[in-house]
């Protein structure tokens, strides 16, 4: 395992090269895990599901709206969140969706 101190001020690209990963591979892994976790949460009745789907009452702060986790899911899957909710309930279809999204991203790059 490579130990790199934050004091060295290396760029992320250089660190990933030292480890032997490409930037795109790392992003693909992150997106795959996020999508798999979303499907897992959607299929089970849990506190995480309640929190993810919940709304917060009150006024929001000034400035740009924060990017939400569900917004990232819409962006990654290129589907509306209500479609994602329905598809995620069926594990096999959700897995195919994850794979197809990753193939589309690799073809675009």
PDB file of N, CA and C in Angstrom:
ATOM      1  N   UNK A   1       0.836  -1.173   0.000  1.00  0.00           N
ATOM      2  CA  UNK A   1       0.000   0.000   0.000  1.00  0.00           C
ATOM      3  C   UNK A   1       0.885   1.242   0.000  1.00  0.00           C
ATOM      4  N   UNK A   2       0.553   2.174  -0.843  1.00  0.00           N
ATOM      5  CA  UNK A   2       1.323   3.398  -0.971  1.00  0.00           C
ATOM      6  C   UNK A   2       0.825   4.407   0.053  1.00  0.00           C
ATOM      7  N   UNK A   3       1.751   4.977   0.802  1.00  0.00           N
ATOM      8  CA  UNK A   3       1.385   5.998   1.793  1.00  0.00           C
ATOM      9  C   UNK A   3       1.837   7.342   1.261  1.00  0.00           C
ATOM     10  N   UNK A   4       0.890   8.233   1.094  1.00  0.00           N
ATOM     11  CA  UNK A   4       1.184   9.561   0.580  1.00  0.00           C
ATOM     12  C   UNK A   4       0.649  10.571   1.577  1.00  0.00           C
ATOM     13  N   UNK A   5       1.519  11.435   2.021  1.00  0.00           N
ATOM     14  CA  UNK A   5       1.115  12.457   2.981  1.00  0.00           C
ATOM     15  C   UNK A   5       0.409  13.592   2.260  1.00  0.00           C
ATOM     16  N   UNK A   6      -0.514  14.232   2.941  1.00  0.00           N
ATOM     17  CA  UNK A   6      -1.220  15.365   2.342  1.00  0.00           C
ATOM     18  C   UNK A   6      -0.284  16.552   2.181  1.00  0.00           C
ATOM     19  N   UNK A   7       0.844  16.538   2.897  1.00  0.00           N
ATOM     20  CA  UNK A   7       1.814  17.631   2.816  1.00  0.00           C
ATOM     21  C   UNK A   7       2.595  17.610   1.503  1.00  0.00           C
ATOM     22  N   UNK A   8       2.593  16.468   0.829  1.00  0.00           N
ATOM     23  CA  UNK A   8       3.339  16.346  -0.431  1.00  0.00           C
ATOM     24  C   UNK A   8       2.713  17.154  -1.561  1.00  0.00           C
ATOM     25  N   UNK A   9       1.452  17.522  -1.425  1.00  0.00           N
ATOM     26  CA  UNK A   9       0.725  18.330  -2.411  1.00  0.00           C
ATOM     27  C   UNK A   9       0.801  17.729  -3.818  1.00  0.00           C
ATOM     28  N   UNK A  10       0.477  16.461  -3.906  1.00  0.00           N
ATOM     29  CA  UNK A  10       0.429  15.783  -5.200  1.00  0.00           C
ATOM     30  C   UNK A  10      -0.968  15.904  -5.777  1.00  0.00           C
ATOM     31  N   UNK A  11      -1.043  15.913  -7.084  1.00  0.00           N
ATOM     32  CA  UNK A  11      -2.340  15.971  -7.755  1.00  0.00           C
ATOM     33  C   UNK A  11      -2.976  14.587  -7.719  1.00  0.00           C
ATOM     34  N   UNK A  12      -4.314  14.573  -7.784  1.00  0.00           N
ATOM     35  CA  UNK A  12      -5.049  13.306  -7.764  1.00  0.00           C
ATOM     36  C   UNK A  12      -4.601  12.398  -8.894  1.00  0.00           C
ATOM     37  N   UNK A  13      -4.376  12.973 -10.046  1.00  0.00           N
ATOM     38  CA  UNK A  13      -3.951  12.200 -11.214  1.00  0.00           C
ATOM     39  C   UNK A  13      -2.647  11.465 -10.934  1.00  0.00           C
ATOM     40  N   UNK A  14      -1.690  12.152 -10.291  1.00  0.00           N
ATOM     41  CA  UNK A  14      -0.396  11.534  -9.977  1.00  0.00           C
ATOM     42  C   UNK A  14      -0.542  10.414  -8.952  1.00  0.00           C
ATOM     43  N   UNK A  15      -1.402  10.625  -7.963  1.00  0.00           N
ATOM     44  CA  UNK A  15      -1.628   9.601  -6.936  1.00  0.00           C
ATOM     45  C   UNK A  15      -2.247   8.359  -7.560  1.00  0.00           C
ATOM     46  N   UNK A  16      -3.246   8.554  -8.439  1.00  0.00           N
ATOM     47  CA  UNK A  16      -3.887   7.411  -9.094  1.00  0.00           C
ATOM     48  C   UNK A  16      -2.906   6.653  -9.972  1.00  0.00           C
ATOM     49  N   UNK A  17      -1.985   7.369 -10.631  1.00  0.00           N
ATOM     50  CA  UNK A  17      -0.966   6.694 -11.440  1.00  0.00           C
ATOM     51  C   UNK A  17      -0.041   5.850 -10.572  1.00  0.00           C
ATOM     52  N   UNK A  18       0.327   6.370  -9.401  1.00  0.00           N
ATOM     53  CA  UNK A  18       1.185   5.608  -8.487  1.00  0.00           C
ATOM     54  C   UNK A  18       0.501   4.328  -8.027  1.00  0.00           C
ATOM     55  N   UNK A  19      -0.790   4.417  -7.760  1.00  0.00           N
ATOM     56  CA  UNK A  19      -1.544   3.249  -7.310  1.00  0.00           C
ATOM     57  C   UNK A  19      -1.761   2.272  -8.451  1.00  0.00           C
ATOM     58  N   UNK A  20      -1.816   2.793  -9.667  1.00  0.00           N
ATOM     59  CA  UNK A  20      -2.029   1.931 -10.829  1.00  0.00           C
ATOM     60  C   UNK A  20      -3.463   1.942 -11.317  1.00  0.00           C
ATOM     61  N   UNK A  21      -4.224   2.979 -10.983  1.00  0.00           N
ATOM     62  CA  UNK A  21      -5.600   3.109 -11.434  1.00  0.00           C
ATOM     63  C   UNK A  21      -5.729   4.277 -12.401  1.00  0.00           C
ATOM     64  N   UNK A  22      -6.699   4.160 -13.259  1.00  0.00           N
ATOM     65  CA  UNK A  22      -7.034   5.283 -14.110  1.00  0.00           C
ATOM     66  C   UNK A  22      -8.177   6.043 -13.466  1.00  0.00           C
ATOM     67  N   UNK A  23      -8.264   7.323 -13.766  1.00  0.00           N
ATOM     68  CA  UNK A  23      -9.310   8.175 -13.194  1.00  0.00           C
ATOM     69  C   UNK A  23     -10.689   7.642 -13.565  1.00  0.00           C
ATOM     70  N   UNK A  24     -10.855   7.186 -14.801  1.00  0.00           N
ATOM     71  CA  UNK A  24     -12.167   6.702 -15.252  1.00  0.00           C
ATOM     72  C   UNK A  24     -12.565   5.409 -14.548  1.00  0.00           C
ATOM     73  N   UNK A  25     -11.582   4.548 -14.260  1.00  0.00           N
ATOM     74  CA  UNK A  25     -11.885   3.302 -13.551  1.00  0.00           C
ATOM     75  C   UNK A  25     -12.406   3.594 -12.154  1.00  0.00           C
ATOM     76  N   UNK A  26     -11.816   4.574 -11.501  1.00  0.00           N
ATOM     77  CA  UNK A  26     -12.231   4.932 -10.155  1.00  0.00           C
ATOM     78  C   UNK A  26     -13.656   5.485 -10.167  1.00  0.00           C
ATOM     79  N   UNK A  27     -13.955   6.364 -11.110  1.00  0.00           N
ATOM     80  CA  UNK A  27     -15.308   6.917 -11.209  1.00  0.00           C
ATOM     81  C   UNK A  27     -16.329   5.831 -11.526  1.00  0.00           C
ATOM     82  N   UNK A  28     -15.952   4.898 -12.384  1.00  0.00           N
ATOM     83  CA  UNK A  28     -16.860   3.805 -12.743  1.00  0.00           C
ATOM     84  C   UNK A  28     -17.174   2.952 -11.514  1.00  0.00           C
ATOM     85  N   UNK A  29     -16.162   2.676 -10.711  1.00  0.00           N
ATOM     86  CA  UNK A  29     -16.355   1.890  -9.499  1.00  0.00           C
ATOM     87  C   UNK A  29     -17.274   2.613  -8.522  1.00  0.00           C
ATOM     88  N   UNK A  30     -17.077   3.901  -8.360  1.00  0.00           N
ATOM     89  CA  UNK A  30     -17.907   4.694  -7.445  1.00  0.00           C
ATOM     90  C   UNK A  30     -19.354   4.685  -7.903  1.00  0.00           C
ATOM     91  N   UNK A  31     -19.585   4.936  -9.191  1.00  0.00           N
ATOM     92  CA  UNK A  31     -20.954   4.976  -9.706  1.00  0.00           C
ATOM     93  C   UNK A  31     -21.634   3.617  -9.612  1.00  0.00           C
ATOM     94  N   UNK A  32     -20.889   2.556  -9.876  1.00  0.00           N
ATOM     95  CA  UNK A  32     -21.452   1.210  -9.772  1.00  0.00           C
ATOM     96  C   UNK A  32     -21.908   0.934  -8.344  1.00  0.00           C
ATOM     97  N   UNK A  33     -21.078   1.272  -7.387  1.00  0.00           N
ATOM     98  CA  UNK A  33     -21.420   1.027  -5.990  1.00  0.00           C
ATOM     99  C   UNK A  33     -22.586   1.896  -5.527  1.00  0.00           C
ATOM    100  N   UNK A  34     -22.627   3.147  -6.002  1.00  0.00           N
ATOM    101  CA  UNK A  34     -23.748   4.010  -5.645  1.00  0.00           C
ATOM    102  C   UNK A  34     -25.060   3.446  -6.167  1.00  0.00           C
ATOM    103  N   UNK A  35     -25.058   3.006  -7.424  1.00  0.00           N
ATOM    104  CA  UNK A  35     -26.277   2.456  -8.014  1.00  0.00           C
ATOM    105  C   UNK A  35     -26.697   1.167  -7.317  1.00  0.00           C
ATOM    106  N   UNK A  36     -25.731   0.319  -6.997  1.00  0.00           N
ATOM    107  CA  UNK A  36     -26.051  -0.933  -6.306  1.00  0.00           C
ATOM    108  C   UNK A  36     -26.624  -0.644  -4.915  1.00  0.00           C
ATOM    109  N   UNK A  37     -26.053   0.332  -4.227  1.00  0.00           N
ATOM    110  CA  UNK A  37     -26.546   0.692  -2.896  1.00  0.00           C
ATOM    111  C   UNK A  37     -27.955   1.268  -2.980  1.00  0.00           C
ATOM    112  N   UNK A  38     -28.209   2.087  -3.995  1.00  0.00           N
ATOM    113  CA  UNK A  38     -29.542   2.658  -4.166  1.00  0.00           C
ATOM    114  C   UNK A  38     -30.572   1.546  -4.360  1.00  0.00           C
ATOM    115  N   UNK A  39     -30.261   0.562  -5.190  1.00  0.00           N
ATOM    116  CA  UNK A  39     -31.171  -0.564  -5.397  1.00  0.00           C
ATOM    117  C   UNK A  39     -31.421  -1.330  -4.111  1.00  0.00           C
ATOM    118  N   UNK A  40     -30.366  -1.516  -3.339  1.00  0.00           N
ATOM    119  CA  UNK A  40     -30.485  -2.227  -2.058  1.00  0.00           C
ATOM    120  C   UNK A  40     -31.416  -1.470  -1.104  1.00  0.00           C
ATOM    121  N   UNK A  41     -31.213  -0.170  -0.994  1.00  0.00           N
ATOM    122  CA  UNK A  41     -32.042   0.653  -0.104  1.00  0.00           C
ATOM    123  C   UNK A  41     -33.494   0.650  -0.563  1.00  0.00           C
ATOM    124  N   UNK A  42     -33.704   0.736  -1.865  1.00  0.00           N
ATOM    125  CA  UNK A  42     -35.062   0.797  -2.429  1.00  0.00           C
ATOM    126  C   UNK A  42     -35.855  -0.472  -2.144  1.00  0.00           C
ATOM    127  N   UNK A  43     -35.188  -1.626  -2.138  1.00  0.00           N
ATOM    128  CA  UNK A  43     -35.888  -2.903  -1.979  1.00  0.00           C
ATOM    129  C   UNK A  43     -36.244  -3.212  -0.529  1.00  0.00           C
ATOM    130  N   UNK A  44     -35.601  -2.556   0.426  1.00  0.00           N
ATOM    131  CA  UNK A  44     -35.812  -2.881   1.832  1.00  0.00           C
ATOM    132  C   UNK A  44     -36.482  -1.723   2.568  1.00  0.00           C
ATOM    133  N   UNK A  45     -37.301  -2.069   3.518  1.00  0.00           N
ATOM    134  CA  UNK A  45     -37.954  -1.064   4.352  1.00  0.00           C
ATOM    135  C   UNK A  45     -37.005  -0.750   5.495  1.00  0.00           C
ATOM    136  N   UNK A  46     -36.369   0.409   5.450  1.00  0.00           N
ATOM    137  CA  UNK A  46     -35.383   0.741   6.469  1.00  0.00           C
ATOM    138  C   UNK A  46     -35.379   2.240   6.745  1.00  0.00           C
ATOM    139  N   UNK A  47     -34.608   2.613   7.741  1.00  0.00           N
ATOM    140  CA  UNK A  47     -34.470   4.017   8.101  1.00  0.00           C
ATOM    141  C   UNK A  47     -33.809   4.807   6.962  1.00  0.00           C
ATOM    142  N   UNK A  48     -32.822   4.191   6.297  1.00  0.00           N
ATOM    143  CA  UNK A  48     -32.151   4.868   5.177  1.00  0.00           C
ATOM    144  C   UNK A  48     -33.141   5.207   4.069  1.00  0.00           C
ATOM    145  N   UNK A  49     -34.050   4.294   3.792  1.00  0.00           N
ATOM    146  CA  UNK A  49     -35.046   4.534   2.748  1.00  0.00           C
ATOM    147  C   UNK A  49     -35.954   5.692   3.139  1.00  0.00           C
ATOM    148  N   UNK A  50     -36.377   5.716   4.393  1.00  0.00           N
ATOM    149  CA  UNK A  50     -37.231   6.798   4.882  1.00  0.00           C
ATOM    150  C   UNK A  50     -36.513   8.138   4.780  1.00  0.00           C
ATOM    151  N   UNK A  51     -35.252   8.155   5.149  1.00  0.00           N
ATOM    152  CA  UNK A  51     -34.469   9.392   5.097  1.00  0.00           C
ATOM    153  C   UNK A  51     -34.261   9.834   3.660  1.00  0.00           C
ATOM    154  N   UNK A  52     -33.950   8.898   2.772  1.00  0.00           N
ATOM    155  CA  UNK A  52     -33.687   9.238   1.379  1.00  0.00           C
ATOM    156  C   UNK A  52     -34.919   9.820   0.698  1.00  0.00           C
ATOM    157  N   UNK A  53     -36.085   9.304   1.004  1.00  0.00           N
ATOM    158  CA  UNK A  53     -37.308   9.742   0.351  1.00  0.00           C
ATOM    159  C   UNK A  53     -37.980  10.908   1.067  1.00  0.00           C
ATOM    160  N   UNK A  54     -37.510  11.253   2.257  1.00  0.00           N
ATOM    161  CA  UNK A  54     -38.169  12.265   3.068  1.00  0.00           C
ATOM    162  C   UNK A  54     -37.941  13.683   2.582  1.00  0.00           C
ATOM    163  N   UNK A  55     -38.790  14.557   3.037  1.00  0.00           N
ATOM    164  CA  UNK A  55     -38.692  15.995   2.761  1.00  0.00           C
ATOM    165  C   UNK A  55     -38.421  16.707   4.077  1.00  0.00           C
ATOM    166  N   UNK A  56     -37.714  17.808   4.004  1.00  0.00           N
ATOM    167  CA  UNK A  56     -37.416  18.599   5.180  1.00  0.00           C
ATOM    168  C   UNK A  56     -38.295  19.836   5.139  1.00  0.00           C
ATOM    169  N   UNK A  57     -39.026  20.067   6.203  1.00  0.00           N
ATOM    170  CA  UNK A  57     -39.890  21.233   6.269  1.00  0.00           C
ATOM    171  C   UNK A  57     -39.073  22.479   6.609  1.00  0.00           C
ATOM    172  N   UNK A  58     -39.563  23.622   6.167  1.00  0.00           N
ATOM    173  CA  UNK A  58     -38.918  24.886   6.486  1.00  0.00           C
ATOM    174  C   UNK A  58     -38.345  25.544   5.243  1.00  0.00           C
ATOM    175  N   UNK A  59     -37.674  26.654   5.471  1.00  0.00           N
ATOM    176  CA  UNK A  59     -37.088  27.404   4.365  1.00  0.00           C
ATOM    177  C   UNK A  59     -35.693  26.869   4.067  1.00  0.00           C
ATOM    178  N   UNK A  60     -35.344  26.916   2.810  1.00  0.00           N
ATOM    179  CA  UNK A  60     -33.993  26.507   2.468  1.00  0.00           C
ATOM    180  C   UNK A  60     -33.083  27.729   2.516  1.00  0.00           C
ATOM    181  N   UNK A  61     -31.812  27.478   2.566  1.00  0.00           N
ATOM    182  CA  UNK A  61     -30.854  28.571   2.672  1.00  0.00           C
ATOM    183  C   UNK A  61     -30.702  29.293   1.341  1.00  0.00           C
ATOM    184  N   UNK A  62     -30.104  30.463   1.412  1.00  0.00           N
ATOM    185  CA  UNK A  62     -29.842  31.237   0.212  1.00  0.00           C
ATOM    186  C   UNK A  62     -28.754  30.553  -0.614  1.00  0.00           C
ATOM    187  N   UNK A  63     -28.721  30.940  -1.883  1.00  0.00           N
ATOM    188  CA  UNK A  63     -27.654  30.435  -2.743  1.00  0.00           C
ATOM    189  C   UNK A  63     -28.103  29.278  -3.607  1.00  0.00           C
ATOM    190  N   UNK A  64     -27.127  28.687  -4.240  1.00  0.00           N
ATOM    191  CA  UNK A  64     -27.409  27.582  -5.151  1.00  0.00           C
ATOM    192  C   UNK A  64     -27.901  26.371  -4.362  1.00  0.00           C
ATOM    193  N   UNK A  65     -28.834  25.661  -4.961  1.00  0.00           N
ATOM    194  CA  UNK A  65     -29.367  24.458  -4.346  1.00  0.00           C
ATOM    195  C   UNK A  65     -28.278  23.394  -4.286  1.00  0.00           C
ATOM    196  N   UNK A  66     -28.208  22.689  -3.190  1.00  0.00           N
ATOM    197  CA  UNK A  66     -27.241  21.601  -3.083  1.00  0.00           C
ATOM    198  C   UNK A  66     -27.656  20.450  -3.959  1.00  0.00           C
ATOM    199  N   UNK A  67     -26.674  19.755  -4.487  1.00  0.00           N
ATOM    200  CA  UNK A  67     -26.953  18.605  -5.318  1.00  0.00           C
ATOM    201  C   UNK A  67     -27.360  17.440  -4.416  1.00  0.00           C
ATOM    202  N   UNK A  68     -28.488  16.839  -4.700  1.00  0.00           N
ATOM    203  CA  UNK A  68     -28.972  15.764  -3.844  1.00  0.00           C
ATOM    204  C   UNK A  68     -28.474  14.408  -4.353  1.00  0.00           C
ATOM    205  N   UNK A  69     -28.539  13.442  -3.466  1.00  0.00           N
ATOM    206  CA  UNK A  69     -28.107  12.098  -3.814  1.00  0.00           C
ATOM    207  C   UNK A  69     -29.014  11.525  -4.881  1.00  0.00           C
ATOM    208  N   UNK A  70     -30.315  11.783  -4.759  1.00  0.00           N
ATOM    209  CA  UNK A  70     -31.266  11.299  -5.761  1.00  0.00           C
ATOM    210  C   UNK A  70     -31.054  12.004  -7.095  1.00  0.00           C
ATOM    211  N   UNK A  71     -30.645  13.259  -7.050  1.00  0.00           N
ATOM    212  CA  UNK A  71     -30.314  13.983  -8.280  1.00  0.00           C
ATOM    213  C   UNK A  71     -29.142  13.337  -8.995  1.00  0.00           C
ATOM    214  N   UNK A  72     -28.168  12.871  -8.226  1.00  0.00           N
ATOM    215  CA  UNK A  72     -27.037  12.148  -8.817  1.00  0.00           C
ATOM    216  C   UNK A  72     -27.493  10.842  -9.464  1.00  0.00           C
ATOM    217  N   UNK A  73     -28.455  10.169  -8.840  1.00  0.00           N
ATOM    218  CA  UNK A  73     -28.969   8.928  -9.415  1.00  0.00           C
ATOM    219  C   UNK A  73     -29.653   9.198 -10.755  1.00  0.00           C
ATOM    220  N   UNK A  74     -30.412  10.281 -10.824  1.00  0.00           N
ATOM    221  CA  UNK A  74     -31.064  10.639 -12.088  1.00  0.00           C
ATOM    222  C   UNK A  74     -30.022  10.929 -13.156  1.00  0.00           C
ATOM    223  N   UNK A  75     -28.980  11.651 -12.779  1.00  0.00           N
ATOM    224  CA  UNK A  75     -27.934  12.016 -13.728  1.00  0.00           C
ATOM    225  C   UNK A  75     -27.167  10.788 -14.218  1.00  0.00           C
ATOM    226  N   UNK A  76     -26.867   9.885 -13.316  1.00  0.00           N
ATOM    227  CA  UNK A  76     -26.105   8.687 -13.665  1.00  0.00           C
ATOM    228  C   UNK A  76     -26.912   7.740 -14.544  1.00  0.00           C
ATOM    229  N   UNK A  77     -28.185   7.548 -14.206  1.00  0.00           N
ATOM    230  CA  UNK A  77     -29.000   6.580 -14.943  1.00  0.00           C
ATOM    231  C   UNK A  77     -29.702   7.177 -16.154  1.00  0.00           C
ATOM    232  N   UNK A  78     -29.702   8.499 -16.262  1.00  0.00           N
ATOM    233  CA  UNK A  78     -30.420   9.224 -17.323  1.00  0.00           C
ATOM    234  C   UNK A  78     -31.910   8.860 -17.348  1.00  0.00           C
ATOM    235  N   UNK A  79     -32.476   8.611 -16.177  1.00  0.00           N
ATOM    236  CA  UNK A  79     -33.910   8.334 -16.010  1.00  0.00           C
ATOM    237  C   UNK A  79     -34.447   9.219 -14.908  1.00  0.00           C
ATOM    238  N   UNK A  80     -35.751   9.436 -14.910  1.00  0.00           N
ATOM    239  CA  UNK A  80     -36.388  10.168 -13.827  1.00  0.00           C
ATOM    240  C   UNK A  80     -36.328   9.308 -12.558  1.00  0.00           C
ATOM    241  N   UNK A  81     -36.361   9.959 -11.411  1.00  0.00           N
ATOM    242  CA  UNK A  81     -36.201   9.222 -10.157  1.00  0.00           C
ATOM    243  C   UNK A  81     -37.360   8.268  -9.900  1.00  0.00           C
ATOM    244  N   UNK A  82     -38.570   8.628 -10.343  1.00  0.00           N
ATOM    245  CA  UNK A  82     -39.686   7.702 -10.123  1.00  0.00           C
ATOM    246  C   UNK A  82     -39.532   6.441 -10.973  1.00  0.00           C
ATOM    247  N   UNK A  83     -38.929   6.557 -12.154  1.00  0.00           N
ATOM    248  CA  UNK A  83     -38.635   5.358 -12.959  1.00  0.00           C
ATOM    249  C   UNK A  83     -37.579   4.503 -12.267  1.00  0.00           C
ATOM    250  N   UNK A  84     -36.564   5.160 -11.714  1.00  0.00           N
ATOM    251  CA  UNK A  84     -35.509   4.432 -10.998  1.00  0.00           C
ATOM    252  C   UNK A  84     -36.084   3.667  -9.815  1.00  0.00           C
ATOM    253  N   UNK A  85     -37.031   4.298  -9.102  1.00  0.00           N
ATOM    254  CA  UNK A  85     -37.655   3.646  -7.947  1.00  0.00           C
ATOM    255  C   UNK A  85     -38.349   2.356  -8.348  1.00  0.00           C
ATOM    256  N   UNK A  86     -39.082   2.402  -9.455  1.00  0.00           N
ATOM    257  CA  UNK A  86     -39.807   1.219  -9.917  1.00  0.00           C
ATOM    258  C   UNK A  86     -38.853   0.130 -10.395  1.00  0.00           C
ATOM    259  N   UNK A  87     -37.844   0.524 -11.152  1.00  0.00           N
ATOM    260  CA  UNK A  87     -36.902  -0.455 -11.705  1.00  0.00           C
ATOM    261  C   UNK A  87     -36.078  -1.095 -10.597  1.00  0.00           C
ATOM    262  N   UNK A  88     -35.693  -0.312  -9.582  1.00  0.00           N
ATOM    263  CA  UNK A  88     -34.838  -0.823  -8.505  1.00  0.00           C
ATOM    264  C   UNK A  88     -35.528  -1.900  -7.670  1.00  0.00           C
ATOM    265  N   UNK A  89     -36.847  -1.955  -7.692  1.00  0.00           N
ATOM    266  CA  UNK A  89     -37.554  -2.983  -6.919  1.00  0.00           C
ATOM    267  C   UNK A  89     -37.314  -4.385  -7.471  1.00  0.00           C
ATOM    268  N   UNK A  90     -37.012  -4.480  -8.765  1.00  0.00           N
ATOM    269  CA  UNK A  90     -36.687  -5.759  -9.388  1.00  0.00           C
ATOM    270  C   UNK A  90     -35.165  -5.845  -9.535  1.00  0.00           C
ATOM    271  N   UNK A  91     -34.539  -6.706  -8.755  1.00  0.00           N
ATOM    272  CA  UNK A  91     -33.079  -6.771  -8.690  1.00  0.00           C
ATOM    273  C   UNK A  91     -32.432  -7.069 -10.044  1.00  0.00           C
ATOM    274  N   UNK A  92     -32.970  -8.018 -10.778  1.00  0.00           N
ATOM    275  CA  UNK A  92     -32.362  -8.409 -12.056  1.00  0.00           C
ATOM    276  C   UNK A  92     -32.397  -7.270 -13.073  1.00  0.00           C
ATOM    277  N   UNK A  93     -33.527  -6.587 -13.159  1.00  0.00           N
ATOM    278  CA  UNK A  93     -33.660  -5.470 -14.100  1.00  0.00           C
ATOM    279  C   UNK A  93     -32.737  -4.326 -13.679  1.00  0.00           C
ATOM    280  N   UNK A  94     -32.628  -4.086 -12.361  1.00  0.00           N
ATOM    281  CA  UNK A  94     -31.767  -3.024 -11.864  1.00  0.00           C
ATOM    282  C   UNK A  94     -30.304  -3.313 -12.188  1.00  0.00           C
ATOM    283  N   UNK A  95     -29.886  -4.562 -12.050  1.00  0.00           N
ATOM    284  CA  UNK A  95     -28.506  -4.925 -12.389  1.00  0.00           C
ATOM    285  C   UNK A  95     -28.220  -4.685 -13.862  1.00  0.00           C
ATOM    286  N   UNK A  96     -29.179  -5.039 -14.718  1.00  0.00           N
ATOM    287  CA  UNK A  96     -29.003  -4.780 -16.153  1.00  0.00           C
ATOM    288  C   UNK A  96     -28.920  -3.285 -16.431  1.00  0.00           C
ATOM    289  N   UNK A  97     -29.693  -2.494 -15.692  1.00  0.00           N
ATOM    290  CA  UNK A  97     -29.660  -1.037 -15.849  1.00  0.00           C
ATOM    291  C   UNK A  97     -28.286  -0.489 -15.479  1.00  0.00           C
ATOM    292  N   UNK A  98     -27.733  -0.976 -14.378  1.00  0.00           N
ATOM    293  CA  UNK A  98     -26.407  -0.534 -13.946  1.00  0.00           C
ATOM    294  C   UNK A  98     -25.373  -0.853 -15.016  1.00  0.00           C
ATOM    295  N   UNK A  99     -25.397  -2.077 -15.521  1.00  0.00           N
ATOM    296  CA  UNK A  99     -24.417  -2.492 -16.527  1.00  0.00           C
ATOM    297  C   UNK A  99     -24.559  -1.673 -17.803  1.00  0.00           C
ATOM    298  N   UNK A 100     -25.791  -1.454 -18.241  1.00  0.00           N
ATOM    299  CA  UNK A 100     -25.991  -0.695 -19.478  1.00  0.00           C
ATOM    300  C   UNK A 100     -25.525   0.749 -19.330  1.00  0.00           C
ATOM    301  N   UNK A 101     -25.723   1.348 -18.166  1.00  0.00           N
ATOM    302  CA  UNK A 101     -25.254   2.718 -17.946  1.00  0.00           C
ATOM    303  C   UNK A 101     -23.740   2.804 -17.982  1.00  0.00           C
ATOM    304  N   UNK A 102     -23.067   1.815 -17.433  1.00  0.00           N
ATOM    305  CA  UNK A 102     -21.611   1.837 -17.440  1.00  0.00           C
ATOM    306  C   UNK A 102     -21.064   1.634 -18.844  1.00  0.00           C
ATOM    307  N   UNK A 103     -21.726   0.805 -19.644  1.00  0.00           N
ATOM    308  CA  UNK A 103     -21.292   0.618 -21.031  1.00  0.00           C
ATOM    309  C   UNK A 103     -21.452   1.898 -21.827  1.00  0.00           C
ATOM    310  N   UNK A 104     -22.556   2.619 -21.586  1.00  0.00           N
ATOM    311  CA  UNK A 104     -22.776   3.888 -22.295  1.00  0.00           C
ATOM    312  C   UNK A 104     -21.690   4.894 -21.949  1.00  0.00           C
ATOM    313  N   UNK A 105     -21.284   4.929 -20.693  1.00  0.00           N
ATOM    314  CA  UNK A 105     -20.244   5.875 -20.278  1.00  0.00           C
ATOM    315  C   UNK A 105     -18.901   5.527 -20.901  1.00  0.00           C
ATOM    316  N   UNK A 106     -18.563   4.239 -20.964  1.00  0.00           N
ATOM    317  CA  UNK A 106     -17.270   3.867 -21.539  1.00  0.00           C
ATOM    318  C   UNK A 106     -17.241   4.125 -23.045  1.00  0.00           C
ATOM    319  N   UNK A 107     -18.381   3.999 -23.711  1.00  0.00           N
ATOM    320  CA  UNK A 107     -18.429   4.282 -25.138  1.00  0.00           C
ATOM    321  C   UNK A 107     -18.305   5.766 -25.422  1.00  0.00           C
ATOM    322  N   UNK A 108     -18.805   6.601 -24.518  1.00  0.00           N
ATOM    323  CA  UNK A 108     -18.739   8.049 -24.708  1.00  0.00           C
ATOM    324  C   UNK A 108     -17.329   8.573 -24.534  1.00  0.00           C
ATOM    325  N   UNK A 109     -16.515   7.916 -23.736  1.00  0.00           N
ATOM    326  CA  UNK A 109     -15.154   8.414 -23.447  1.00  0.00           C
ATOM    327  C   UNK A 109     -14.165   7.952 -24.444  1.00  0.00           C
TER     328      UNK A 109
END
